[in-house]
Structure formats: structure tokens, C-alpha cells
């Protein structure tokens, strides 16, 4: 009973919710042996891989989810996030997120990541403008600053210190910073 796709899926979800990401990876891999075309499973496997620092593998999982479910928004977001963490050029991620936002303009996380990609592609000043353009009832300067700090921390943990500094400068609530 424990190896049925439904049981494996539920166990993998629970492991991820409990931050037992290595266990979740194993469970998602076992699930995918039986359900190899399940985009949601590839997406969740990628998230678990990213959580343990296996970003290249996470990117491959996100790409597979994109191929399997081209209308699903999350794989495109995750693919862009992983590429930025790996130090890939920011332009493709910015373009992909722009297309995603044209389809789903209310996708707040994608709006923030798009501004970050603009910052990494075009510099701190244009990044600061992109982040400032996000301000509305839900994305206040304080929320943007928190999101920037969190993104900067994960970038720094992935050996992207310069990228982290740019994001922190662009999302800071103090006076304008230059590149």
C-alpha cells in the first residue's frame, strides 16, 4: 500500500511540509517511476532539490514540468528562480517572467522575481524602479524589502554574493543607490 502512487504522493507532500526535503526527494522519485509524466511531481521534486541546494537538478525538474504542462505557471517561475540562482544570464528569465505575467498579471511572486531579474540584467537603478513600480495595496515597500532580503539571502547561499548585493540595494527603502 505504501508504494501506490497516491500514497507516495501524499507522503512526499507531507515530507516537504515538514521540511524533510531529502525524504521528499526520494518519495517524489519513487512516485515518478510510476507516474513519469506528472508535471506536479516534477515541480515538487524540483522544489525539494532546491531546498537542499541541488539547484541544477531542480532546474532540470522544472524544465521537465514545463515540457509536460506548458500552461502551468509555477514551473516557469521556478525555472527562472533556479536560473538566477545558478548565475545564468538574467535576460531569458526576465523575458519568461514578462510572458508569464502577461497571462497571469496577479501572480505576485512572479512580479517580484521579474523585478529582480530586471535588476540583475539592467542594474540597481533600473531594478529599484522595477521594484518601486510594484508598490500597491499588497506589495508595499516593506513587503518588497522583505522579499528582497529573502531572495538576497538565498542568492548569497548559492555563491551569488554580487547578485545578492544588487537585489538588497534595489529593494532597500533608503535613499537611491547607484550601480
Foldseek 3Di string as FASTA:
>chain_A
DCLDLVNLVVVLVVCVVVVVLVSSLVSLVSSCVVVVLDLVSLQSNLVSCVSVPNLVSSLVSLVSSCVSDVVDLSSLLSNLLSCVLLVHQLVVNLVSLVVSCVVVVVPVSSQLSNLLSCCRNPHLVSSLVSLVVPDDPVRHLVNSLVVLQVSLVSSVVSVNNVSSVSSNQSSDPDDHDGD
